[in-house]
């Protein structure tokens, strides 16, 4: 059963318009006084207590519905909900899409997240997690000749590693970058046309990552994953050098 939430007026330092509405929800969600399923008081009363106009409040609430923070229901009012992480992924992708060399920057964040996640996975992974990882590994083997499906399989394996770490925060951060990460995995599969030996590298290295998690050794698991990233970077550098040489040699 939903409950109405008592609120107090924010001071002028709380900002204007949207900022006041966003600050109100953010602070109360962090404090735990608002939870998914709770219903806000009517718009008229909420606008008066926040010191904003009803049109501004209404637009702010609509913006928050897009983010999945609230839901406006007919004859019920505005209800707090748990946001869908996929919305964060879309926002993150749009926000960064026009920045130069963004994939390299995201890759650094990815390495930081995955290296901590694999340490946790080595300690926390359940039998179900290991089964998911094993199926993802099998899928990498099955799709080694298919760049499109192979890129997806590669991403799903690494996402399963993060999920096995049982850290909600790391998982949300990783999911928020998933659109860009999938593009990165797809791009790496194109290197198979240049380096045939990379096929065995992809299969063997992912198997080593899986085995390290099964062994329940966090330090070894992180070391194996870092080596995996380093070898992948080496393939990309070699491909870039080869492309540069070809361009220089062209008439």
Protein backbone atom coordinates (compact mmCIF):
# COMPACT_ATOMS: atom_id res chain seq x y z
CA UNK A 1 0.00 0.00 0.00
CA UNK A 2 1.41 3.41 -0.97
CA UNK A 3 1.88 6.21 1.54
CA UNK A 4 1.92 9.99 1.20
CA UNK A 5 5.13 11.70 2.24
CA UNK A 6 5.32 14.73 4.52
CA UNK A 7 7.74 17.36 3.24
CA UNK A 8 9.01 20.76 4.26
CA UNK A 9 9.80 23.79 2.12
CA UNK A 10 13.29 23.94 0.69
CA UNK A 11 15.24 27.14 1.24
CA UNK A 12 16.21 29.42 -1.61
CA UNK A 13 19.67 27.80 -1.60
CA UNK A 14 18.00 24.67 -2.96
CA UNK A 15 18.07 26.25 -6.45
CA UNK A 16 15.37 27.21 -8.87
CA UNK A 17 12.80 25.30 -10.83
CA UNK A 18 13.97 21.87 -11.87
CA UNK A 19 16.87 21.97 -9.44
CA UNK A 20 14.53 22.31 -6.47
CA UNK A 21 12.39 19.38 -7.56
CA UNK A 22 15.39 17.20 -8.37
CA UNK A 23 17.08 18.12 -5.08
CA UNK A 24 13.95 17.30 -3.11
CA UNK A 25 13.68 13.79 -4.56
CA UNK A 26 17.40 13.12 -4.51
CA UNK A 27 17.84 14.04 -0.85
CA UNK A 28 14.84 12.05 0.30
CA UNK A 29 15.79 9.00 -1.72
CA UNK A 30 19.29 9.10 -0.24
CA UNK A 31 17.87 9.57 3.26
CA UNK A 32 15.46 6.68 2.79
CA UNK A 33 12.36 8.76 3.54
CA UNK A 34 11.17 8.09 -0.03
CA UNK A 35 11.15 4.58 -1.44
CA UNK A 36 9.84 2.89 -4.60
CA UNK A 37 6.06 2.66 -4.34
CA UNK A 38 5.64 5.80 -2.22
CA UNK A 39 3.21 8.43 -3.53
CA UNK A 40 4.02 12.13 -3.54
CA UNK A 41 1.51 14.63 -2.22
CA UNK A 42 -0.69 16.36 -4.88
CA UNK A 43 1.11 18.62 -7.37
CA UNK A 44 -0.55 21.77 -6.06
CA UNK A 45 0.66 21.15 -2.50
CA UNK A 46 4.10 19.98 -3.61
CA UNK A 47 4.60 23.06 -5.81
CA UNK A 48 3.58 25.37 -2.96
CA UNK A 49 5.90 23.73 -0.45
CA UNK A 50 8.84 23.69 -2.84
CA UNK A 51 8.22 27.27 -3.90
CA UNK A 52 7.96 26.54 -7.62
CA UNK A 53 5.16 27.03 -10.12
CA UNK A 54 2.93 24.10 -11.03
CA UNK A 55 4.01 24.19 -14.72
CA UNK A 56 7.68 23.98 -13.65
CA UNK A 57 6.91 21.16 -11.22
CA UNK A 58 4.94 19.29 -13.87
CA UNK A 59 7.77 19.57 -16.42
CA UNK A 60 10.31 18.45 -13.83
CA UNK A 61 8.20 15.42 -12.95
CA UNK A 62 7.84 14.56 -16.62
CA UNK A 63 11.60 14.71 -17.01
CA UNK A 64 11.94 12.39 -14.03
CA UNK A 65 9.50 9.94 -15.61
CA UNK A 66 11.84 9.69 -18.60
CA UNK A 67 14.66 8.81 -16.21
CA UNK A 68 12.39 6.26 -14.57
CA UNK A 69 12.56 7.92 -11.14
CA UNK A 70 8.80 8.50 -10.87
CA UNK A 71 5.64 7.42 -12.64
CA UNK A 72 2.59 9.64 -13.10
CA UNK A 73 -0.59 7.55 -12.81
CA UNK A 74 -4.10 8.69 -13.64
CA UNK A 75 -6.31 9.17 -10.56
CA UNK A 76 -3.43 8.14 -8.31
CA UNK A 77 -0.75 10.78 -8.66
CA UNK A 78 3.05 10.65 -8.82
CA UNK A 79 4.60 7.43 -7.54
CA UNK A 80 8.27 6.85 -6.86
CA UNK A 81 9.75 3.90 -8.74
CA UNK A 82 13.08 2.14 -9.11
CA UNK A 83 14.83 3.54 -12.23
CA UNK A 84 15.62 1.28 -15.16
CA UNK A 85 19.40 1.06 -15.62
CA UNK A 86 18.98 0.92 -19.41
CA UNK A 87 17.91 4.57 -19.29
CA UNK A 88 21.25 5.44 -17.70
CA UNK A 89 22.98 3.52 -20.48
CA UNK A 90 21.18 5.57 -23.13
CA UNK A 91 21.96 8.84 -21.34
CA UNK A 92 25.62 7.90 -20.90
CA UNK A 93 25.96 6.95 -24.56
CA UNK A 94 24.36 10.16 -25.83
CA UNK A 95 26.34 12.33 -23.40
CA UNK A 96 29.69 10.92 -24.48
CA UNK A 97 29.05 9.98 -28.12
CA UNK A 98 30.47 13.21 -29.54
CA UNK A 99 33.65 13.26 -27.45
CA UNK A 100 36.87 12.35 -29.24
CA UNK A 101 38.61 9.11 -28.26
CA UNK A 102 35.82 8.29 -25.84
CA UNK A 103 36.22 4.53 -26.25
CA UNK A 104 39.77 4.66 -24.88
CA UNK A 105 38.59 6.64 -21.87
CA UNK A 106 35.68 4.29 -21.22
CA UNK A 107 38.04 1.32 -21.52
CA UNK A 108 40.08 2.67 -18.61
CA UNK A 109 36.93 2.88 -16.50
CA UNK A 110 35.97 -0.60 -17.65
CA UNK A 111 39.31 -2.03 -16.53
CA UNK A 112 38.94 -0.46 -13.09
CA UNK A 113 35.41 -1.85 -12.67
CA UNK A 114 36.18 -5.33 -13.97
CA UNK A 115 39.39 -5.75 -11.96
CA UNK A 116 37.53 -5.07 -8.72
CA UNK A 117 34.52 -7.09 -9.85
CA UNK A 118 36.59 -10.18 -10.64
CA UNK A 119 38.17 -10.07 -7.19
CA UNK A 120 34.70 -10.05 -5.70
CA UNK A 121 33.53 -12.74 -8.12
CA UNK A 122 36.37 -15.02 -6.98
CA UNK A 123 34.96 -14.71 -3.46
CA UNK A 124 31.22 -14.44 -4.06
CA UNK A 125 30.32 -16.26 -7.29
CA UNK A 126 27.60 -18.86 -6.79
CA UNK A 127 27.18 -22.12 -8.66
CA UNK A 128 24.55 -20.37 -10.80
CA UNK A 129 27.04 -17.60 -11.64
CA UNK A 130 29.66 -20.15 -12.68
CA UNK A 131 27.14 -21.91 -14.89
CA UNK A 132 26.30 -18.60 -16.60
CA UNK A 133 30.00 -17.91 -17.14
CA UNK A 134 30.55 -21.39 -18.51
CA UNK A 135 27.72 -20.94 -21.02
CA UNK A 136 29.12 -17.53 -21.99
CA UNK A 137 32.55 -19.11 -22.52
CA UNK A 138 31.02 -21.80 -24.73
CA UNK A 139 29.31 -19.09 -26.73
CA UNK A 140 32.66 -17.35 -27.34
CA UNK A 141 33.99 -20.60 -28.79
CA UNK A 142 30.90 -21.10 -30.95
CA UNK A 143 31.01 -17.59 -32.44
CA UNK A 144 34.76 -17.23 -32.97
CA UNK A 145 34.25 -16.99 -36.76
CA UNK A 146 31.37 -14.50 -36.53
CA UNK A 147 32.48 -10.93 -35.69
CA UNK A 148 28.99 -9.67 -34.88
CA UNK A 149 27.82 -12.56 -32.70
CA UNK A 150 31.33 -12.96 -31.32
CA UNK A 151 31.46 -9.37 -30.11
CA UNK A 152 28.17 -9.88 -28.29
CA UNK A 153 29.42 -13.15 -26.76
CA UNK A 154 32.59 -11.44 -25.54
CA UNK A 155 30.60 -8.63 -23.93
CA UNK A 156 28.18 -11.05 -22.28
CA UNK A 157 31.05 -13.01 -20.73
CA UNK A 158 32.57 -9.89 -19.18
CA UNK A 159 29.17 -8.67 -18.04
CA UNK A 160 28.66 -12.03 -16.33
CA UNK A 161 31.99 -11.56 -14.52
CA UNK A 162 30.82 -8.22 -13.15
CA UNK A 163 27.43 -9.65 -12.18
CA UNK A 164 29.14 -12.51 -10.33
CA UNK A 165 30.86 -9.93 -8.11
CA UNK A 166 27.50 -9.18 -6.48
CA UNK A 167 28.17 -5.44 -6.27
CA UNK A 168 25.08 -3.47 -7.27
CA UNK A 169 27.09 -0.27 -7.72
CA UNK A 170 29.72 -1.84 -9.98
CA UNK A 171 26.99 -3.57 -11.96
CA UNK A 172 25.04 -0.33 -12.50
CA UNK A 173 28.18 1.53 -13.59
CA UNK A 174 29.09 -1.26 -15.99
CA UNK A 175 25.59 -1.42 -17.41
CA UNK A 176 25.61 2.33 -17.94
CA UNK A 177 28.56 1.90 -20.31
CA UNK A 178 27.24 -1.19 -22.04
CA UNK A 179 26.41 0.51 -25.35
CA UNK A 180 29.96 1.80 -25.79
CA UNK A 181 31.50 -1.43 -24.47
CA UNK A 182 29.59 -3.55 -26.98
CA UNK A 183 30.94 -1.35 -29.76
CA UNK A 184 34.45 -1.89 -28.40
CA UNK A 185 34.04 -5.67 -28.31
CA UNK A 186 32.71 -5.65 -31.87
CA UNK A 187 35.68 -3.59 -33.02
CA UNK A 188 38.15 -5.99 -31.46
CA UNK A 189 36.62 -8.91 -33.35
CA UNK A 190 37.57 -7.17 -36.61
CA UNK A 191 41.20 -7.74 -35.63
CA UNK A 192 40.71 -11.47 -36.27
CA UNK A 193 41.02 -10.69 -39.97
CA UNK A 194 44.50 -9.30 -39.32
CA UNK A 195 45.73 -11.71 -36.64
CA UNK A 196 44.54 -15.29 -37.06
CA UNK A 197 46.33 -16.28 -33.82
CA UNK A 198 43.98 -13.97 -31.95
CA UNK A 199 41.26 -16.62 -32.19
CA UNK A 200 43.09 -18.96 -29.84
CA UNK A 201 44.01 -16.00 -27.63
CA UNK A 202 40.37 -15.02 -27.20
CA UNK A 203 39.27 -18.55 -26.34
CA UNK A 204 42.21 -19.46 -24.09
CA UNK A 205 42.29 -16.16 -22.24
CA UNK A 206 38.59 -16.22 -21.43
CA UNK A 207 38.97 -19.81 -20.25
CA UNK A 208 41.82 -18.71 -17.94
CA UNK A 209 39.61 -15.95 -16.53
CA UNK A 210 36.87 -18.49 -15.84
CA UNK A 211 39.32 -20.93 -14.22
CA UNK A 212 40.71 -18.17 -12.00
CA UNK A 213 37.24 -17.37 -10.66
CA UNK A 214 36.57 -21.06 -10.04
CA UNK A 215 39.88 -21.29 -8.14
CA UNK A 216 38.62 -18.66 -5.65
CA UNK A 217 41.88 -16.69 -5.78
CA UNK A 218 41.11 -12.93 -6.05
CA UNK A 219 44.70 -11.81 -6.64
CA UNK A 220 45.33 -14.41 -9.35
CA UNK A 221 41.98 -13.63 -10.98
CA UNK A 222 42.79 -9.93 -11.20
CA UNK A 223 46.27 -10.67 -12.58
CA UNK A 224 44.86 -12.93 -15.30
CA UNK A 225 42.30 -10.27 -16.27
CA UNK A 226 44.92 -7.52 -16.42
CA UNK A 227 47.07 -9.73 -18.65
CA UNK A 228 44.00 -10.27 -20.85
CA UNK A 229 43.55 -6.53 -21.28
CA UNK A 230 47.27 -5.98 -21.91
CA UNK A 231 47.42 -8.61 -24.67
CA UNK A 232 44.32 -7.14 -26.29
CA UNK A 233 45.93 -3.69 -26.25
CA UNK A 234 49.04 -5.14 -27.87
CA UNK A 235 47.00 -6.58 -30.75
CA UNK A 236 45.34 -3.20 -31.27
CA UNK A 237 48.68 -1.37 -31.27
CA UNK A 238 50.15 -3.81 -33.77
CA UNK A 239 47.12 -3.39 -36.03
CA UNK A 240 47.41 0.40 -35.82
CA UNK A 241 51.12 0.26 -36.70
CA UNK A 242 50.41 -2.02 -39.65
CA UNK A 243 47.71 0.33 -40.91
CA UNK A 244 50.09 3.27 -40.61
CA UNK A 245 52.76 1.46 -42.59
CA UNK A 246 50.26 0.60 -45.35
CA UNK A 247 49.12 4.21 -45.60
CA UNK A 248 52.71 5.45 -45.82
CA UNK A 249 53.52 2.94 -48.53
CA UNK A 250 50.46 3.84 -50.61
CA UNK A 251 51.19 6.08 -53.66
